[in-house]
């Protein structure tokens, strides 16, 4: 056992990270809910209004991430590995950034119609976000909540697989049926970023699973 591991048994850990992660996860879920709301509207004015709200949420997420990095630099003993803290914060930030990217492109591209599959994918992005929020909350006592965290992580993986299926079917139908080249490119890009959102949510849970293994 190296000196760092020995010290962790005797030196109090810095638990200030847990409230920051909870705040970050809640902020991410808010972004997923706004995306769902945005895709329930068809008017450009509604899209632009909600995009502004998503941008605000994205800025809040950046501030939370910066706080975590500052805390990481001044903390001696962290609740889990520094690399995992950095990675978890970074992946949550990636999810919110991609949601902001989807909403920005919808406002910029102004597609003639939003594909029905967008709503389905947004619902699943939201479901995965809630599972991540549960995981992050349970990290307060990861050993006691191992089964609950594992189940939530597995649920995110199942959602990611489902979104992949939706994505490939939607892209296939888009290239088969859409005759307007501009609309095809617009919708293909929006689909791509929606799918990326769930990939990045799975990245979050992969990091959480890694934390669980190291804490075992």
Protein backbone atom coordinates (compact mmCIF):
# COMPACT_ATOMS: atom_id res chain seq x y z
CA UNK A 1 0.00 0.00 0.00
CA UNK A 2 1.52 3.35 -1.01
CA UNK A 3 1.74 6.40 1.22
CA UNK A 4 -1.23 8.14 -0.41
CA UNK A 5 -3.53 5.20 0.31
CA UNK A 6 -2.30 4.97 3.90
CA UNK A 7 -2.94 8.68 4.43
CA UNK A 8 -6.51 8.32 3.21
CA UNK A 9 -7.27 6.17 6.21
CA UNK A 10 -6.19 8.84 8.70
CA UNK A 11 -6.67 12.26 7.08
CA UNK A 12 -10.24 13.64 6.83
CA UNK A 13 -11.47 13.75 3.25
CA UNK A 14 -12.73 16.93 1.64
CA UNK A 15 -16.49 16.36 1.26
CA UNK A 16 -17.14 19.75 -0.34
CA UNK A 17 -17.21 18.05 -3.75
CA UNK A 18 -20.47 16.20 -3.12
CA UNK A 19 -22.72 19.29 -3.00
CA UNK A 20 -21.02 20.58 -6.15
CA UNK A 21 -21.63 17.33 -8.00
CA UNK A 22 -25.26 17.30 -6.87
CA UNK A 23 -25.68 20.88 -8.06
CA UNK A 24 -24.03 19.99 -11.37
CA UNK A 25 -26.25 16.94 -11.91
CA UNK A 26 -29.42 18.92 -11.12
CA UNK A 27 -28.30 21.61 -13.56
CA UNK A 28 -27.77 18.96 -16.24
CA UNK A 29 -31.26 17.52 -15.64
CA UNK A 30 -32.68 21.03 -15.99
CA UNK A 31 -30.98 21.28 -19.40
CA UNK A 32 -32.54 17.96 -20.47
CA UNK A 33 -35.98 19.16 -19.37
CA UNK A 34 -35.60 22.39 -21.31
CA UNK A 35 -34.61 20.39 -24.39
CA UNK A 36 -37.77 18.30 -24.05
CA UNK A 37 -39.78 21.50 -23.74
CA UNK A 38 -38.10 23.06 -26.76
CA UNK A 39 -38.87 20.07 -28.96
CA UNK A 40 -42.53 20.17 -27.99
CA UNK A 41 -42.86 23.54 -29.76
CA UNK A 42 -42.85 24.25 -33.48
CA UNK A 43 -42.56 28.05 -33.52
CA UNK A 44 -39.17 29.73 -34.00
CA UNK A 45 -39.95 32.27 -31.26
CA UNK A 46 -40.42 29.46 -28.71
CA UNK A 47 -37.22 27.78 -29.83
CA UNK A 48 -35.22 30.98 -29.44
CA UNK A 49 -36.74 31.69 -26.02
CA UNK A 50 -35.91 28.25 -24.67
CA UNK A 51 -32.45 28.29 -26.26
CA UNK A 52 -31.67 31.39 -24.17
CA UNK A 53 -32.69 29.46 -21.05
CA UNK A 54 -30.49 26.52 -22.07
CA UNK A 55 -27.58 28.91 -22.63
CA UNK A 56 -28.07 30.25 -19.09
CA UNK A 57 -28.06 26.70 -17.72
CA UNK A 58 -24.89 25.95 -19.70
CA UNK A 59 -23.18 29.00 -18.19
CA UNK A 60 -24.21 27.90 -14.69
CA UNK A 61 -22.73 24.47 -15.44
CA UNK A 62 -19.44 26.09 -16.50
CA UNK A 63 -19.33 28.01 -13.21
CA UNK A 64 -19.94 24.84 -11.19
CA UNK A 65 -17.22 23.02 -13.12
CA UNK A 66 -14.78 25.87 -12.47
CA UNK A 67 -15.59 25.71 -8.73
CA UNK A 68 -14.80 22.00 -8.74
CA UNK A 69 -11.47 22.54 -10.46
CA UNK A 70 -10.55 25.27 -7.97
CA UNK A 71 -11.55 23.01 -5.07
CA UNK A 72 -9.56 20.16 -6.59
CA UNK A 73 -6.42 22.30 -6.72
CA UNK A 74 -6.61 23.21 -3.03
CA UNK A 75 -7.76 19.88 -1.59
CA UNK A 76 -5.22 17.50 -0.07
CA UNK A 77 -7.36 14.39 0.42
CA UNK A 78 -10.28 14.00 -1.99
CA UNK A 79 -13.26 11.62 -1.60
CA UNK A 80 -12.05 9.68 -4.64
CA UNK A 81 -9.26 9.95 -7.21
CA UNK A 82 -8.51 13.42 -8.54
CA UNK A 83 -8.57 12.13 -12.10
CA UNK A 84 -12.07 10.74 -11.58
CA UNK A 85 -13.33 14.00 -10.04
CA UNK A 86 -11.97 15.92 -13.04
CA UNK A 87 -13.39 13.38 -15.50
CA UNK A 88 -16.83 13.29 -13.88
CA UNK A 89 -17.09 17.09 -13.89
CA UNK A 90 -15.87 17.23 -17.49
CA UNK A 91 -18.34 14.62 -18.76
CA UNK A 92 -21.33 16.27 -17.08
CA UNK A 93 -20.22 19.54 -18.67
CA UNK A 94 -20.01 17.79 -22.07
CA UNK A 95 -23.66 16.69 -21.81
CA UNK A 96 -24.89 20.22 -21.14
CA UNK A 97 -22.66 21.61 -23.90
CA UNK A 98 -24.16 19.17 -26.41
CA UNK A 99 -27.71 20.02 -25.34
CA UNK A 100 -26.84 23.66 -25.88
CA UNK A 101 -25.42 22.66 -29.28
CA UNK A 102 -28.68 20.98 -30.29
CA UNK A 103 -30.79 23.97 -29.29
CA UNK A 104 -28.42 26.40 -31.01
CA UNK A 105 -28.58 24.48 -34.26
CA UNK A 106 -32.37 24.25 -34.20
CA UNK A 107 -32.47 28.04 -33.91
CA UNK A 108 -29.82 28.59 -36.58
CA UNK A 109 -30.97 25.98 -39.09
CA UNK A 110 -34.71 26.58 -38.68
CA UNK A 111 -35.68 23.20 -40.19
CA UNK A 112 -39.07 23.22 -41.92
CA UNK A 113 -40.32 20.61 -39.47
CA UNK A 114 -38.95 18.86 -36.41
CA UNK A 115 -38.80 15.11 -36.83
CA UNK A 116 -41.04 13.20 -34.37
CA UNK A 117 -38.02 11.13 -33.32
CA UNK A 118 -36.46 14.27 -31.81
CA UNK A 119 -39.04 14.17 -29.01
CA UNK A 120 -38.40 10.49 -28.37
CA UNK A 121 -34.66 11.04 -28.17
CA UNK A 122 -35.09 14.09 -25.92
CA UNK A 123 -37.28 12.04 -23.56
CA UNK A 124 -34.56 9.41 -23.30
CA UNK A 125 -31.86 12.05 -22.76
CA UNK A 126 -33.97 13.30 -19.87
CA UNK A 127 -34.45 9.77 -18.46
CA UNK A 128 -30.70 9.14 -18.56
CA UNK A 129 -30.09 12.50 -16.88
CA UNK A 130 -32.35 11.54 -13.98
CA UNK A 131 -30.51 8.23 -13.58
CA UNK A 132 -27.21 10.16 -13.42
CA UNK A 133 -28.66 12.52 -10.82
CA UNK A 134 -29.55 9.48 -8.70
CA UNK A 135 -26.03 8.05 -9.12
CA UNK A 136 -24.40 11.31 -8.06
CA UNK A 137 -26.66 11.59 -5.01
CA UNK A 138 -25.74 8.04 -3.98
CA UNK A 139 -22.00 8.76 -4.19
CA UNK A 140 -22.25 10.29 -0.70
CA UNK A 141 -22.06 6.70 0.52
CA UNK A 142 -21.00 4.74 -2.52
CA UNK A 143 -20.33 1.50 -0.61
CA UNK A 144 -23.80 1.40 0.93
CA UNK A 145 -25.47 2.46 -2.34
CA UNK A 146 -23.41 0.31 -4.70
CA UNK A 147 -26.37 -1.75 -5.96
CA UNK A 148 -28.51 1.33 -6.57
CA UNK A 149 -25.70 3.12 -8.40
CA UNK A 150 -24.94 0.04 -10.51
CA UNK A 151 -28.59 -0.34 -11.47
CA UNK A 152 -28.87 3.33 -12.49
CA UNK A 153 -25.66 3.08 -14.54
CA UNK A 154 -26.99 -0.01 -16.30
CA UNK A 155 -30.24 1.85 -17.03
CA UNK A 156 -28.24 4.59 -18.76
CA UNK A 157 -26.44 1.98 -20.86
CA UNK A 158 -29.80 0.48 -21.88
CA UNK A 159 -31.10 3.94 -22.79
CA UNK A 160 -27.96 4.60 -24.86
CA UNK A 161 -28.50 1.38 -26.81
CA UNK A 162 -32.13 2.31 -27.42
CA UNK A 163 -31.19 5.80 -28.65
CA UNK A 164 -28.63 4.26 -31.01
CA UNK A 165 -31.43 2.21 -32.58
CA UNK A 166 -33.65 5.28 -32.92
CA UNK A 167 -30.76 7.21 -34.43
CA UNK A 168 -29.85 4.69 -37.13
CA UNK A 169 -33.48 4.11 -38.14
CA UNK A 170 -34.10 7.88 -38.27
CA UNK A 171 -30.99 8.53 -40.39
CA UNK A 172 -31.94 5.71 -42.76
CA UNK A 173 -35.46 7.09 -43.19
CA UNK A 174 -34.14 10.63 -43.57
CA UNK A 175 -31.82 9.71 -46.45
CA UNK A 176 -34.53 7.59 -48.01
CA UNK A 177 -37.38 10.10 -47.87
CA UNK A 178 -35.94 13.64 -47.67
CA UNK A 179 -35.43 15.09 -51.16
CA UNK A 180 -34.40 18.58 -50.05
CA UNK A 181 -30.61 18.44 -49.61
CA UNK A 182 -30.52 21.37 -47.20
CA UNK A 183 -33.20 19.87 -44.96
CA UNK A 184 -31.44 16.52 -45.07
CA UNK A 185 -28.18 18.06 -43.85
CA UNK A 186 -29.92 20.09 -41.14
CA UNK A 187 -31.83 17.16 -39.71
CA UNK A 188 -28.91 14.77 -39.98
CA UNK A 189 -26.74 17.11 -37.89
CA UNK A 190 -29.44 17.58 -35.25
CA UNK A 191 -29.90 13.80 -35.01
CA UNK A 192 -26.16 13.36 -34.67
CA UNK A 193 -25.89 15.73 -31.71
CA UNK A 194 -28.98 14.29 -29.99
CA UNK A 195 -27.35 10.86 -30.21
CA UNK A 196 -24.08 12.31 -28.90
CA UNK A 197 -25.87 13.64 -25.80
CA UNK A 198 -26.68 10.10 -24.69
CA UNK A 199 -23.19 8.85 -25.54
CA UNK A 200 -21.83 11.54 -23.23
CA UNK A 201 -24.31 10.60 -20.52
CA UNK A 202 -22.97 7.04 -20.72
CA UNK A 203 -19.45 8.51 -20.38
CA UNK A 204 -20.61 9.99 -17.05
CA UNK A 205 -21.81 6.62 -15.78
CA UNK A 206 -18.63 4.90 -17.03
CA UNK A 207 -16.66 7.24 -14.79
CA UNK A 208 -19.02 6.54 -11.88
CA UNK A 209 -18.57 2.78 -12.39
CA UNK A 210 -14.80 3.30 -12.35
CA UNK A 211 -15.11 5.17 -9.04
CA UNK A 212 -17.14 2.27 -7.60
CA UNK A 213 -14.49 -0.26 -8.61
CA UNK A 214 -11.69 1.77 -7.03
CA UNK A 215 -13.66 2.27 -3.80
CA UNK A 216 -14.44 -1.46 -3.44
